[in-house]
Amino acid sequence: MVSKWIEWKEDAVALRKKGASITRIEKELGIPRSTLSGWLKGVILTKKQRETLGRNRYHALIKARKAAVLWHNQQKQERLRKAENDAGKVLDRINSKDKDILELALAILYLGEGFKRSVETAIGSSDPLTLKFFLTILSRVYNIDISKIRCELYLRADQSPRRIIRFWAKELGLPLTSFKQINVDRRTIGSKTYPNYHGVCSLRCGNVAIQRKLVFLGNKFFEKTVKEYARLA
């Protein structure tokens, strides 16, 4: 039985000799791979034709990888947009002006980032937003005068203390006089610091009563939640 694709055989062979892959020939001529495999099995390629075929395969692989990366990035952006929208919906249901909610949020943050062994309320982070939140709650909930907050910086050896102090003072809305101590990690001498890294800034308000309340509040909230859901299980 003569194949219905037979009239395209010469074209398929010619493309193969030009270095085209079976996948490319299949797409261009619309001929099934099983048919092409039989036709092209006996095609003997010269060294130059084999080299051309190898280059074409290499370029096709690079193109496929780029397409895969692009698709992956697009899918990631879609997932990020969905996560952001879902987070926004949760925030819409929360009264961010409720002081109990703000205090609980700070307590949870403090359990993770706060200084719990020192006899004062203090926290350290390299993230300005985290520290802004800390200062906001101290001011709004506890009526702490943030201009009296003491700041310490922990820097790498190649960072300029003066420039970093100005950065944190501007970000946190604190006077330059709030920065009392600079600590430089000598172990980093000789290694380059990323441009967007501004060290770790610690904030100390000197009030141990707030620290104790935050730690108890966070732990008791965790315990209460675990017990309540354990009873429902």
N, C-alpha and C. Protein backbone atom coordinates (compact mmCIF):
# COMPACT_ATOMS: atom_id res chain seq x y z
N MET A 1 0.84 -1.19 0.00
CA MET A 1 0.00 0.00 0.00
C MET A 1 0.88 1.25 0.00
N VAL A 2 0.60 2.14 -0.98
CA VAL A 2 1.39 3.36 -1.11
C VAL A 2 0.93 4.38 -0.07
N SER A 3 1.89 4.97 0.62
CA SER A 3 1.57 5.97 1.64
C SER A 3 0.96 7.20 0.99
N LYS A 4 -0.03 7.78 1.65
CA LYS A 4 -0.67 8.99 1.12
C LYS A 4 0.26 10.20 1.19
N TRP A 5 1.41 10.00 1.89
CA TRP A 5 2.36 11.10 2.03
C TRP A 5 3.52 11.00 1.02
N ILE A 6 3.45 9.98 0.14
CA ILE A 6 4.59 9.67 -0.71
C ILE A 6 5.07 10.85 -1.55
N GLU A 7 4.15 11.72 -1.96
CA GLU A 7 4.54 12.84 -2.81
C GLU A 7 5.45 13.83 -2.08
N TRP A 8 5.50 13.73 -0.74
CA TRP A 8 6.33 14.63 0.04
C TRP A 8 7.67 14.00 0.44
N LYS A 9 7.89 12.78 -0.01
CA LYS A 9 9.09 12.07 0.42
C LYS A 9 10.36 12.79 0.00
N GLU A 10 10.41 13.24 -1.29
CA GLU A 10 11.62 13.91 -1.78
C GLU A 10 11.89 15.20 -0.99
N ASP A 11 10.82 15.91 -0.65
CA ASP A 11 10.97 17.14 0.13
C ASP A 11 11.52 16.82 1.52
N ALA A 12 11.03 15.74 2.11
CA ALA A 12 11.47 15.34 3.43
C ALA A 12 12.95 14.96 3.41
N VAL A 13 13.35 14.21 2.42
CA VAL A 13 14.75 13.79 2.30
C VAL A 13 15.65 15.01 2.07
N ALA A 14 15.18 15.95 1.23
CA ALA A 14 15.96 17.15 0.95
C ALA A 14 16.17 17.99 2.21
N LEU A 15 15.12 18.11 3.02
CA LEU A 15 15.24 18.86 4.27
C LEU A 15 16.20 18.18 5.23
N ARG A 16 16.14 16.84 5.23
CA ARG A 16 17.04 16.09 6.12
C ARG A 16 18.48 16.32 5.74
N LYS A 17 18.77 16.32 4.44
CA LYS A 17 20.13 16.52 3.97
C LYS A 17 20.63 17.94 4.23
N LYS A 18 19.69 18.86 4.43
CA LYS A 18 20.07 20.24 4.76
C LYS A 18 20.32 20.43 6.27
N GLY A 19 20.11 19.32 7.01
CA GLY A 19 20.39 19.39 8.44
C GLY A 19 19.15 19.54 9.30
N ALA A 20 17.97 19.38 8.71
CA ALA A 20 16.73 19.52 9.47
C ALA A 20 16.50 18.28 10.34
N SER A 21 16.01 18.51 11.56
CA SER A 21 15.69 17.38 12.44
C SER A 21 14.36 16.78 12.02
N ILE A 22 14.12 15.54 12.48
CA ILE A 22 12.85 14.88 12.16
C ILE A 22 11.69 15.70 12.74
N THR A 23 11.89 16.28 13.91
CA THR A 23 10.83 17.08 14.53
C THR A 23 10.47 18.27 13.65
N ARG A 24 11.50 18.94 13.10
CA ARG A 24 11.24 20.11 12.24
C ARG A 24 10.53 19.68 10.96
N ILE A 25 10.98 18.58 10.36
CA ILE A 25 10.35 18.09 9.12
C ILE A 25 8.90 17.71 9.38
N GLU A 26 8.67 17.07 10.50
CA GLU A 26 7.31 16.67 10.90
C GLU A 26 6.40 17.89 10.99
N LYS A 27 6.91 18.98 11.59
CA LYS A 27 6.09 20.18 11.75
C LYS A 27 5.88 20.90 10.42
N GLU A 28 6.94 20.98 9.61
CA GLU A 28 6.83 21.74 8.36
C GLU A 28 5.96 21.04 7.32
N LEU A 29 6.08 19.73 7.20
CA LEU A 29 5.36 19.00 6.16
C LEU A 29 4.09 18.32 6.67
N GLY A 30 3.96 18.21 7.98
CA GLY A 30 2.76 17.58 8.52
C GLY A 30 2.72 16.09 8.32
N ILE A 31 3.90 15.46 8.20
CA ILE A 31 3.98 14.01 7.97
C ILE A 31 4.24 13.31 9.31
N PRO A 32 3.53 12.22 9.59
CA PRO A 32 3.72 11.51 10.85
C PRO A 32 5.17 11.07 11.05
N ARG A 33 5.62 11.11 12.29
CA ARG A 33 6.99 10.73 12.62
C ARG A 33 7.29 9.28 12.21
N SER A 34 6.30 8.40 12.38
CA SER A 34 6.51 7.00 12.03
C SER A 34 6.84 6.84 10.55
N THR A 35 6.18 7.63 9.71
CA THR A 35 6.45 7.58 8.27
C THR A 35 7.82 8.15 7.96
N LEU A 36 8.15 9.28 8.57
CA LEU A 36 9.43 9.92 8.33
C LEU A 36 10.59 9.03 8.76
N SER A 37 10.43 8.34 9.88
CA SER A 37 11.50 7.48 10.38
C SER A 37 11.88 6.43 9.35
N GLY A 38 10.87 5.87 8.69
CA GLY A 38 11.12 4.86 7.66
C GLY A 38 11.79 5.45 6.44
N TRP A 39 11.33 6.61 6.00
CA TRP A 39 11.91 7.27 4.83
C TRP A 39 13.37 7.69 5.05
N LEU A 40 13.64 8.23 6.21
CA LEU A 40 14.94 8.87 6.45
C LEU A 40 15.97 7.93 7.04
N LYS A 41 15.55 6.70 7.33
CA LYS A 41 16.45 5.75 7.96
C LYS A 41 17.67 5.47 7.09
N GLY A 42 17.47 5.42 5.79
CA GLY A 42 18.57 5.09 4.88
C GLY A 42 19.30 6.29 4.33
N VAL A 43 18.94 7.49 4.78
CA VAL A 43 19.61 8.69 4.27
C VAL A 43 21.00 8.81 4.90
N ILE A 44 22.01 8.82 4.06
CA ILE A 44 23.39 8.94 4.53
C ILE A 44 23.80 10.41 4.45
N LEU A 45 24.19 10.96 5.57
CA LEU A 45 24.57 12.36 5.62
C LEU A 45 26.08 12.51 5.54
N THR A 46 26.52 13.57 4.86
CA THR A 46 27.94 13.87 4.82
C THR A 46 28.36 14.44 6.18
N LYS A 47 29.67 14.57 6.36
CA LYS A 47 30.16 15.14 7.62
C LYS A 47 29.62 16.55 7.82
N LYS A 48 29.59 17.33 6.74
CA LYS A 48 29.09 18.70 6.84
C LYS A 48 27.61 18.72 7.19
N GLN A 49 26.84 17.78 6.60
CA GLN A 49 25.40 17.71 6.90
C GLN A 49 25.17 17.29 8.35
N ARG A 50 26.00 16.37 8.86
CA ARG A 50 25.86 15.95 10.25
C ARG A 50 26.19 17.11 11.20
N GLU A 51 27.21 17.90 10.82
CA GLU A 51 27.56 19.06 11.64
C GLU A 51 26.43 20.08 11.66
N THR A 52 25.81 20.27 10.47
CA THR A 52 24.68 21.20 10.38
C THR A 52 23.52 20.71 11.24
N LEU A 53 23.26 19.41 11.17
CA LEU A 53 22.18 18.82 11.98
C LEU A 53 22.48 19.00 13.47
N GLY A 54 23.74 18.81 13.86
CA GLY A 54 24.12 18.98 15.26
C GLY A 54 23.92 20.42 15.72
N ARG A 55 24.32 21.38 14.87
CA ARG A 55 24.13 22.80 15.22
C ARG A 55 22.66 23.13 15.35
N ASN A 56 21.86 22.61 14.42
CA ASN A 56 20.42 22.88 14.46
C ASN A 56 19.78 22.30 15.73
N ARG A 57 20.23 21.13 16.11
CA ARG A 57 19.71 20.52 17.34
C ARG A 57 20.09 21.37 18.55
N TYR A 58 21.33 21.84 18.55
CA TYR A 58 21.81 22.66 19.66
C TYR A 58 21.00 23.95 19.77
N HIS A 59 20.80 24.63 18.63
CA HIS A 59 20.04 25.88 18.65
C HIS A 59 18.57 25.64 19.03
N ALA A 60 18.04 24.50 18.58
CA ALA A 60 16.65 24.16 18.94
C ALA A 60 16.53 23.91 20.44
N LEU A 61 17.57 23.29 21.01
CA LEU A 61 17.56 23.03 22.44
C LEU A 61 17.62 24.33 23.22
N ILE A 62 18.49 25.26 22.79
CA ILE A 62 18.60 26.56 23.45
C ILE A 62 17.28 27.31 23.37
N LYS A 63 16.65 27.28 22.19
CA LYS A 63 15.37 27.95 22.00
C LYS A 63 14.30 27.35 22.89
N ALA A 64 14.30 26.02 23.00
CA ALA A 64 13.31 25.34 23.84
C ALA A 64 13.52 25.69 25.31
N ARG A 65 14.78 25.77 25.73
CA ARG A 65 15.08 26.13 27.12
C ARG A 65 14.62 27.55 27.42
N LYS A 66 14.87 28.47 26.50
CA LYS A 66 14.45 29.86 26.70
C LYS A 66 12.93 29.95 26.80
N ALA A 67 12.25 29.17 25.93
CA ALA A 67 10.78 29.17 25.96
C ALA A 67 10.27 28.60 27.28
N ALA A 68 10.98 27.57 27.79
CA ALA A 68 10.58 26.96 29.05
C ALA A 68 10.77 27.94 30.21
N VAL A 69 11.89 28.68 30.19
CA VAL A 69 12.15 29.67 31.24
C VAL A 69 11.09 30.77 31.19
N LEU A 70 10.76 31.22 29.98
CA LEU A 70 9.75 32.27 29.82
C LEU A 70 8.41 31.80 30.35
N TRP A 71 8.03 30.57 30.01
CA TRP A 71 6.76 30.01 30.48
C TRP A 71 6.76 29.90 32.00
N HIS A 72 7.88 29.41 32.55
CA HIS A 72 7.98 29.26 34.00
C HIS A 72 7.85 30.61 34.69
N ASN A 73 8.51 31.63 34.15
CA ASN A 73 8.44 32.97 34.75
C ASN A 73 7.02 33.54 34.68
N GLN A 74 6.36 33.30 33.57
CA GLN A 74 4.97 33.77 33.43
C GLN A 74 4.06 33.09 34.44
N GLN A 75 4.25 31.78 34.61
CA GLN A 75 3.45 31.04 35.58
C GLN A 75 3.74 31.52 37.00
N LYS A 76 5.01 31.82 37.27
CA LYS A 76 5.39 32.31 38.60
C LYS A 76 4.74 33.65 38.88
N GLN A 77 4.73 34.54 37.88
CA GLN A 77 4.10 35.85 38.04
C GLN A 77 2.61 35.71 38.31
N GLU A 78 1.98 34.76 37.63
CA GLU A 78 0.55 34.51 37.85
C GLU A 78 0.30 34.04 39.28
N ARG A 79 1.16 33.14 39.77
CA ARG A 79 1.01 32.64 41.14
C ARG A 79 1.25 33.75 42.16
N LEU A 80 2.22 34.62 41.86
CA LEU A 80 2.50 35.74 42.77
C LEU A 80 1.32 36.71 42.81
N ARG A 81 0.73 36.99 41.64
CA ARG A 81 -0.44 37.88 41.59
C ARG A 81 -1.60 37.29 42.38
N LYS A 82 -1.81 35.97 42.25
CA LYS A 82 -2.89 35.32 42.98
C LYS A 82 -2.64 35.40 44.49
N ALA A 83 -1.38 35.14 44.90
CA ALA A 83 -1.05 35.21 46.32
C ALA A 83 -1.28 36.62 46.87
N GLU A 84 -0.90 37.62 46.08
CA GLU A 84 -1.07 39.01 46.51
C GLU A 84 -2.55 39.35 46.63
N ASN A 85 -3.35 38.90 45.66
CA ASN A 85 -4.80 39.16 45.71
C ASN A 85 -5.45 38.47 46.89
N ASP A 86 -5.03 37.22 47.15
CA ASP A 86 -5.58 36.47 48.30
C ASP A 86 -5.22 37.16 49.61
N ALA A 87 -3.98 37.64 49.70
CA ALA A 87 -3.56 38.35 50.91
C ALA A 87 -4.36 39.62 51.10
N GLY A 88 -4.64 40.32 49.99
CA GLY A 88 -5.43 41.54 50.07
C GLY A 88 -6.83 41.29 50.58
N LYS A 89 -7.42 40.16 50.19
CA LYS A 89 -8.77 39.82 50.64
C LYS A 89 -8.80 39.57 52.15
N VAL A 90 -7.73 38.92 52.66
CA VAL A 90 -7.65 38.69 54.10
C VAL A 90 -7.54 40.02 54.83
N LEU A 91 -6.67 40.91 54.32
CA LEU A 91 -6.48 42.21 54.97
C LEU A 91 -7.76 43.05 54.96
N ASP A 92 -8.56 42.89 53.91
CA ASP A 92 -9.83 43.63 53.84
C ASP A 92 -10.77 43.25 54.97
N ARG A 93 -10.60 42.02 55.50
CA ARG A 93 -11.48 41.55 56.58
C ARG A 93 -10.93 41.89 57.96
N ILE A 94 -9.73 42.47 58.00
CA ILE A 94 -9.08 42.77 59.29
C ILE A 94 -9.11 44.27 59.56
N ASN A 95 -9.46 44.62 60.79
CA ASN A 95 -9.43 46.03 61.19
C ASN A 95 -8.02 46.35 61.69
N SER A 96 -7.22 46.95 60.83
CA SER A 96 -5.82 47.22 61.17
C SER A 96 -5.67 48.35 62.18
N LYS A 97 -6.80 48.97 62.58
CA LYS A 97 -6.75 50.01 63.60
C LYS A 97 -7.09 49.46 64.99
N ASP A 98 -7.45 48.18 65.04
CA ASP A 98 -7.76 47.53 66.30
C ASP A 98 -6.46 47.30 67.07
N LYS A 99 -6.31 47.91 68.22
CA LYS A 99 -5.05 47.84 68.97
C LYS A 99 -4.75 46.42 69.45
N ASP A 100 -5.79 45.63 69.73
CA ASP A 100 -5.55 44.24 70.15
C ASP A 100 -4.89 43.45 69.01
N ILE A 101 -5.39 43.67 67.79
CA ILE A 101 -4.81 42.98 66.64
C ILE A 101 -3.38 43.42 66.41
N LEU A 102 -3.14 44.72 66.53
CA LEU A 102 -1.79 45.24 66.34
C LEU A 102 -0.83 44.69 67.39
N GLU A 103 -1.30 44.62 68.63
CA GLU A 103 -0.44 44.12 69.70
C GLU A 103 -0.14 42.64 69.52
N LEU A 104 -1.14 41.88 69.09
CA LEU A 104 -0.94 40.46 68.83
C LEU A 104 0.04 40.26 67.68
N ALA A 105 -0.10 41.07 66.62
CA ALA A 105 0.82 40.96 65.49
C ALA A 105 2.25 41.24 65.92
N LEU A 106 2.41 42.26 66.77
CA LEU A 106 3.76 42.58 67.26
C LEU A 106 4.29 41.46 68.16
N ALA A 107 3.42 40.85 68.95
CA ALA A 107 3.85 39.75 69.82
C ALA A 107 4.37 38.58 68.99
N ILE A 108 3.68 38.26 67.90
CA ILE A 108 4.12 37.16 67.04
C ILE A 108 5.44 37.50 66.37
N LEU A 109 5.55 38.75 65.91
CA LEU A 109 6.82 39.20 65.34
C LEU A 109 7.93 39.12 66.37
N TYR A 110 7.64 39.53 67.58
CA TYR A 110 8.67 39.57 68.62
C TYR A 110 9.18 38.19 68.98
N LEU A 111 8.30 37.20 68.96
CA LEU A 111 8.74 35.84 69.26
C LEU A 111 9.77 35.37 68.24
N GLY A 112 9.63 35.86 67.01
CA GLY A 112 10.58 35.44 65.97
C GLY A 112 11.83 36.30 65.89
N GLU A 113 11.67 37.60 66.03
CA GLU A 113 12.77 38.53 65.77
C GLU A 113 13.26 39.30 66.99
N GLY A 114 12.47 39.33 68.05
CA GLY A 114 12.81 40.16 69.20
C GLY A 114 13.90 39.58 70.08
N PHE A 115 14.54 40.47 70.85
CA PHE A 115 15.56 40.05 71.81
C PHE A 115 14.85 39.64 73.10
N LYS A 116 14.99 38.37 73.46
CA LYS A 116 14.24 37.85 74.60
C LYS A 116 15.11 37.60 75.83
N ARG A 117 16.40 37.66 75.69
CA ARG A 117 17.29 37.42 76.83
C ARG A 117 17.73 38.72 77.49
N SER A 118 17.63 39.83 76.78
CA SER A 118 18.01 41.12 77.37
C SER A 118 16.85 41.67 78.20
N VAL A 119 17.16 42.53 79.17
CA VAL A 119 16.12 43.08 80.05
C VAL A 119 15.59 44.40 79.47
N GLU A 120 15.14 44.33 78.25
CA GLU A 120 14.53 45.48 77.58
C GLU A 120 13.79 44.98 76.35
N THR A 121 12.99 45.85 75.76
CA THR A 121 12.28 45.50 74.54
C THR A 121 13.14 45.93 73.36
N ALA A 122 13.59 44.97 72.56
CA ALA A 122 14.50 45.27 71.46
C ALA A 122 14.31 44.26 70.34
N ILE A 123 14.66 44.70 69.14
CA ILE A 123 14.51 43.85 67.97
C ILE A 123 15.58 44.21 66.96
N GLY A 124 16.00 43.25 66.15
CA GLY A 124 16.99 43.50 65.12
C GLY A 124 16.54 42.92 63.79
N SER A 125 16.82 43.64 62.70
CA SER A 125 16.43 43.15 61.38
C SER A 125 17.19 43.91 60.30
N SER A 126 17.29 43.32 59.13
CA SER A 126 17.87 44.01 57.97
C SER A 126 16.77 44.56 57.08
N ASP A 127 15.52 44.33 57.48
CA ASP A 127 14.36 44.77 56.70
C ASP A 127 13.76 46.04 57.29
N PRO A 128 13.85 47.17 56.59
CA PRO A 128 13.30 48.43 57.12
C PRO A 128 11.81 48.36 57.45
N LEU A 129 11.02 47.64 56.64
CA LEU A 129 9.58 47.58 56.88
C LEU A 129 9.27 46.91 58.21
N THR A 130 10.01 45.86 58.54
CA THR A 130 9.82 45.18 59.81
C THR A 130 10.06 46.12 60.98
N LEU A 131 11.12 46.91 60.89
CA LEU A 131 11.45 47.83 61.97
C LEU A 131 10.47 49.01 62.01
N LYS A 132 9.97 49.43 60.86
CA LYS A 132 8.97 50.49 60.84
C LYS A 132 7.70 50.02 61.55
N PHE A 133 7.33 48.78 61.32
CA PHE A 133 6.16 48.21 61.98
C PHE A 133 6.38 48.20 63.49
N PHE A 134 7.55 47.75 63.92
CA PHE A 134 7.89 47.72 65.34
C PHE A 134 7.75 49.10 65.97
N LEU A 135 8.30 50.12 65.31
CA LEU A 135 8.23 51.48 65.83
C LEU A 135 6.80 52.01 65.85
N THR A 136 6.03 51.67 64.81
CA THR A 136 4.64 52.14 64.72
C THR A 136 3.82 51.62 65.89
N ILE A 137 3.96 50.33 66.21
CA ILE A 137 3.17 49.75 67.30
C ILE A 137 3.63 50.28 68.65
N LEU A 138 4.95 50.44 68.82
CA LEU A 138 5.43 51.02 70.07
C LEU A 138 4.83 52.40 70.29
N SER A 139 4.74 53.16 69.22
CA SER A 139 4.21 54.51 69.33
C SER A 139 2.70 54.53 69.52
N ARG A 140 1.97 53.76 68.71
CA ARG A 140 0.50 53.81 68.71
C ARG A 140 -0.12 53.08 69.89
N VAL A 141 0.45 51.95 70.25
CA VAL A 141 -0.15 51.11 71.29
C VAL A 141 0.43 51.41 72.67
N TYR A 142 1.75 51.63 72.72
CA TYR A 142 2.40 51.79 74.02
C TYR A 142 2.82 53.23 74.31
N ASN A 143 2.55 54.13 73.38
CA ASN A 143 2.87 55.55 73.57
C ASN A 143 4.35 55.80 73.85
N ILE A 144 5.22 55.01 73.22
CA ILE A 144 6.65 55.19 73.36
C ILE A 144 7.12 56.32 72.45
N ASP A 145 7.94 57.20 72.96
CA ASP A 145 8.52 58.28 72.16
C ASP A 145 9.66 57.69 71.34
N ILE A 146 9.44 57.49 70.05
CA ILE A 146 10.43 56.78 69.23
C ILE A 146 11.71 57.58 69.04
N SER A 147 11.65 58.89 69.30
CA SER A 147 12.88 59.68 69.17
C SER A 147 13.89 59.30 70.25
N LYS A 148 13.42 58.57 71.28
CA LYS A 148 14.31 58.15 72.36
C LYS A 148 14.79 56.70 72.18
N ILE A 149 14.41 56.09 71.06
CA ILE A 149 14.87 54.74 70.76
C ILE A 149 16.37 54.75 70.52
N ARG A 150 17.08 53.77 71.08
CA ARG A 150 18.51 53.63 70.85
C ARG A 150 18.74 52.62 69.72
N CYS A 151 19.60 52.99 68.78
CA CYS A 151 19.85 52.15 67.61
C CYS A 151 21.29 51.67 67.58
N GLU A 152 21.45 50.42 67.14
CA GLU A 152 22.78 49.86 66.93
C GLU A 152 22.83 49.28 65.52
N LEU A 153 23.98 49.38 64.89
CA LEU A 153 24.14 48.82 63.55
C LEU A 153 25.20 47.74 63.55
N TYR A 154 24.93 46.68 62.78
CA TYR A 154 25.87 45.58 62.61
C TYR A 154 26.22 45.53 61.12
N LEU A 155 27.44 45.91 60.79
CA LEU A 155 27.83 46.10 59.40
C LEU A 155 28.92 45.13 58.97
N ARG A 156 29.06 45.03 57.65
CA ARG A 156 30.19 44.30 57.07
C ARG A 156 31.36 45.26 56.91
N ALA A 157 32.55 44.70 56.74
CA ALA A 157 33.77 45.50 56.79
C ALA A 157 33.86 46.57 55.71
N ASP A 158 33.27 46.32 54.53
CA ASP A 158 33.41 47.28 53.43
C ASP A 158 32.29 48.32 53.39
N GLN A 159 31.43 48.35 54.41
CA GLN A 159 30.33 49.31 54.42
C GLN A 159 30.73 50.59 55.14
N SER A 160 30.21 51.72 54.63
CA SER A 160 30.48 53.02 55.22
C SER A 160 29.50 53.31 56.36
N PRO A 161 29.96 53.37 57.60
CA PRO A 161 29.06 53.62 58.73
C PRO A 161 28.25 54.91 58.57
N ARG A 162 28.87 55.95 58.10
CA ARG A 162 28.17 57.22 57.95
C ARG A 162 27.03 57.11 56.93
N ARG A 163 27.30 56.45 55.81
CA ARG A 163 26.26 56.30 54.79
C ARG A 163 25.13 55.41 55.29
N ILE A 164 25.48 54.33 55.98
CA ILE A 164 24.46 53.40 56.47
C ILE A 164 23.60 54.05 57.56
N ILE A 165 24.22 54.86 58.42
CA ILE A 165 23.44 55.56 59.45
C ILE A 165 22.42 56.48 58.78
N ARG A 166 22.83 57.20 57.75
CA ARG A 166 21.91 58.10 57.05
C ARG A 166 20.77 57.31 56.42
N PHE A 167 21.09 56.14 55.88
CA PHE A 167 20.06 55.30 55.26
C PHE A 167 18.99 54.91 56.29
N TRP A 168 19.43 54.36 57.43
CA TRP A 168 18.47 53.89 58.43
C TRP A 168 17.72 55.04 59.09
N ALA A 169 18.40 56.15 59.31
CA ALA A 169 17.73 57.31 59.91
C ALA A 169 16.60 57.80 59.01
N LYS A 170 16.85 57.84 57.70
CA LYS A 170 15.82 58.28 56.76
C LYS A 170 14.69 57.27 56.67
N GLU A 171 15.04 56.00 56.59
CA GLU A 171 14.03 54.94 56.46
C GLU A 171 13.11 54.89 57.68
N LEU A 172 13.68 55.02 58.85
CA LEU A 172 12.92 54.84 60.09
C LEU A 172 12.39 56.14 60.68
N GLY A 173 12.78 57.27 60.09
CA GLY A 173 12.31 58.55 60.61
C GLY A 173 12.88 58.87 61.97
N LEU A 174 14.13 58.48 62.20
CA LEU A 174 14.79 58.69 63.49
C LEU A 174 15.92 59.71 63.33
N PRO A 175 16.22 60.45 64.37
CA PRO A 175 17.35 61.39 64.30
C PRO A 175 18.67 60.66 64.26
N LEU A 176 19.68 61.28 63.67
CA LEU A 176 21.00 60.66 63.60
C LEU A 176 21.56 60.37 64.98
N THR A 177 21.16 61.17 65.97
CA THR A 177 21.65 60.98 67.33
C THR A 177 21.13 59.70 67.99
N SER A 178 20.14 59.05 67.36
CA SER A 178 19.61 57.81 67.91
C SER A 178 20.59 56.65 67.74
N PHE A 179 21.53 56.80 66.82
CA PHE A 179 22.45 55.70 66.51
C PHE A 179 23.67 55.78 67.41
N LYS A 180 23.70 54.91 68.38
CA LYS A 180 24.67 54.97 69.47
C LYS A 180 25.91 54.09 69.26
N GLN A 181 25.76 53.02 68.48
CA GLN A 181 26.88 52.07 68.39
C GLN A 181 26.94 51.43 67.01
N ILE A 182 28.16 51.26 66.52
CA ILE A 182 28.42 50.59 65.24
C ILE A 182 29.28 49.36 65.52
N ASN A 183 28.83 48.21 65.04
CA ASN A 183 29.59 46.96 65.20
C ASN A 183 29.97 46.45 63.80
N VAL A 184 31.25 46.23 63.58
CA VAL A 184 31.75 45.78 62.27
C VAL A 184 32.22 44.34 62.37
N ASP A 185 31.73 43.51 61.48
CA ASP A 185 32.12 42.09 61.45
C ASP A 185 33.45 41.96 60.71
N ARG A 186 34.53 41.78 61.46
CA ARG A 186 35.85 41.69 60.87
C ARG A 186 36.02 40.44 60.01
N ARG A 187 35.18 39.46 60.21
CA ARG A 187 35.28 38.24 59.42
C ARG A 187 34.96 38.49 57.95
N THR A 188 34.33 39.63 57.66
CA THR A 188 33.94 39.93 56.27
C THR A 188 34.99 40.74 55.52
N ILE A 189 36.12 41.01 56.16
CA ILE A 189 37.17 41.76 55.48
C ILE A 189 37.62 41.03 54.22
N GLY A 190 37.63 41.75 53.11
CA GLY A 190 38.06 41.16 51.84
C GLY A 190 36.93 40.64 50.98
N SER A 191 35.72 40.56 51.53
CA SER A 191 34.57 40.09 50.73
C SER A 191 33.65 41.26 50.41
N LYS A 192 33.05 41.22 49.24
CA LYS A 192 32.23 42.32 48.74
C LYS A 192 30.79 42.17 49.20
N THR A 193 30.20 43.30 49.59
CA THR A 193 28.82 43.32 50.07
C THR A 193 27.88 43.72 48.93
N TYR A 194 26.71 43.07 48.87
CA TYR A 194 25.71 43.42 47.86
C TYR A 194 25.27 44.87 48.05
N PRO A 195 25.07 45.61 46.95
CA PRO A 195 24.73 47.03 47.03
C PRO A 195 23.47 47.33 47.84
N ASN A 196 22.48 46.43 47.79
CA ASN A 196 21.20 46.71 48.46
C ASN A 196 21.15 46.19 49.90
N TYR A 197 22.29 45.76 50.42
CA TYR A 197 22.33 45.28 51.81
C TYR A 197 22.85 46.42 52.70
N HIS A 198 22.06 46.76 53.72
CA HIS A 198 22.41 47.88 54.59
C HIS A 198 22.67 47.45 56.03
N GLY A 199 23.13 46.24 56.17
CA GLY A 199 23.45 45.74 57.50
C GLY A 199 22.22 45.42 58.31
N VAL A 200 22.43 45.11 59.57
CA VAL A 200 21.33 44.82 60.51
C VAL A 200 21.23 45.99 61.48
N CYS A 201 20.01 46.45 61.66
CA CYS A 201 19.76 47.54 62.60
C CYS A 201 18.96 46.98 63.78
N SER A 202 19.41 47.26 64.99
CA SER A 202 18.65 46.85 66.17
C SER A 202 18.11 48.09 66.87
N LEU A 203 16.88 47.96 67.36
CA LEU A 203 16.20 49.05 68.03
C LEU A 203 15.93 48.65 69.48
N ARG A 204 16.24 49.53 70.41
CA ARG A 204 16.06 49.24 71.84
C ARG A 204 15.28 50.39 72.49
N CYS A 205 14.19 50.01 73.18
CA CYS A 205 13.40 51.06 73.83
C CYS A 205 13.58 51.07 75.35
N GLY A 206 14.30 50.08 75.89
CA GLY A 206 14.63 50.08 77.31
C GLY A 206 13.50 49.73 78.25
N ASN A 207 12.38 49.23 77.75
CA ASN A 207 11.22 48.93 78.59
C ASN A 207 11.02 47.42 78.63
N VAL A 208 11.41 46.76 79.70
CA VAL A 208 11.32 45.31 79.77
C VAL A 208 9.88 44.84 79.96
N ALA A 209 9.02 45.70 80.50
CA ALA A 209 7.62 45.31 80.73
C ALA A 209 6.92 44.98 79.42
N ILE A 210 7.21 45.75 78.38
CA ILE A 210 6.59 45.48 77.07
C ILE A 210 7.10 44.15 76.53
N GLN A 211 8.40 43.91 76.67
CA GLN A 211 8.96 42.65 76.20
C GLN A 211 8.27 41.46 76.87
N ARG A 212 8.11 41.52 78.19
CA ARG A 212 7.49 40.41 78.92
C ARG A 212 6.06 40.18 78.46
N LYS A 213 5.31 41.27 78.28
CA LYS A 213 3.93 41.12 77.84
C LYS A 213 3.86 40.52 76.45
N LEU A 214 4.71 40.97 75.54
CA LEU A 214 4.70 40.46 74.17
C LEU A 214 5.02 38.97 74.12
N VAL A 215 6.01 38.55 74.90
CA VAL A 215 6.39 37.14 74.90
C VAL A 215 5.27 36.28 75.47
N PHE A 216 4.67 36.70 76.58
CA PHE A 216 3.54 35.95 77.15
C PHE A 216 2.36 35.93 76.19
N LEU A 217 2.07 37.08 75.58
CA LEU A 217 0.93 37.17 74.66
C LEU A 217 1.11 36.24 73.47
N GLY A 218 2.29 36.26 72.88
CA GLY A 218 2.54 35.39 71.73
C GLY A 218 2.44 33.92 72.09
N ASN A 219 3.09 33.52 73.16
CA ASN A 219 3.08 32.11 73.56
C ASN A 219 1.68 31.64 73.95
N LYS A 220 0.96 32.46 74.70
CA LYS A 220 -0.39 32.07 75.12
C LYS A 220 -1.35 31.98 73.93
N PHE A 221 -1.17 32.87 72.96
CA PHE A 221 -2.01 32.80 71.76
C PHE A 221 -1.74 31.51 71.00
N PHE A 222 -0.47 31.13 70.87
CA PHE A 222 -0.13 29.88 70.20
C PHE A 222 -0.75 28.69 70.93
N GLU A 223 -0.57 28.67 72.25
CA GLU A 223 -1.10 27.56 73.06
C GLU A 223 -2.62 27.47 72.95
N LYS A 224 -3.30 28.62 73.04
CA LYS A 224 -4.75 28.64 72.96
C LYS A 224 -5.24 28.13 71.62
N THR A 225 -4.60 28.57 70.54
CA THR A 225 -5.00 28.16 69.20
C THR A 225 -4.80 26.66 69.01
N VAL A 226 -3.66 26.14 69.45
CA VAL A 226 -3.38 24.72 69.30
C VAL A 226 -4.40 23.89 70.09
N LYS A 227 -4.71 24.29 71.31
CA LYS A 227 -5.66 23.55 72.14
C LYS A 227 -7.07 23.57 71.55
N GLU A 228 -7.49 24.73 71.07
CA GLU A 228 -8.84 24.84 70.52
C GLU A 228 -9.02 23.97 69.29
N TYR A 229 -8.03 23.95 68.42
CA TYR A 229 -8.15 23.15 67.20
C TYR A 229 -7.92 21.66 67.48
N ALA A 230 -7.18 21.35 68.56
CA ALA A 230 -6.99 19.95 68.94
C ALA A 230 -8.32 19.36 69.39
N ARG A 231 -9.14 20.17 70.08
CA ARG A 231 -10.45 19.68 70.53
C ARG A 231 -11.40 19.44 69.36
N LEU A 232 -11.19 20.19 68.26
CA LEU A 232 -12.06 20.05 67.09
C LEU A 232 -11.68 18.88 66.22
N ALA A 233 -10.45 18.37 66.40
CA ALA A 233 -9.95 17.29 65.54
C ALA A 233 -10.67 15.98 65.84
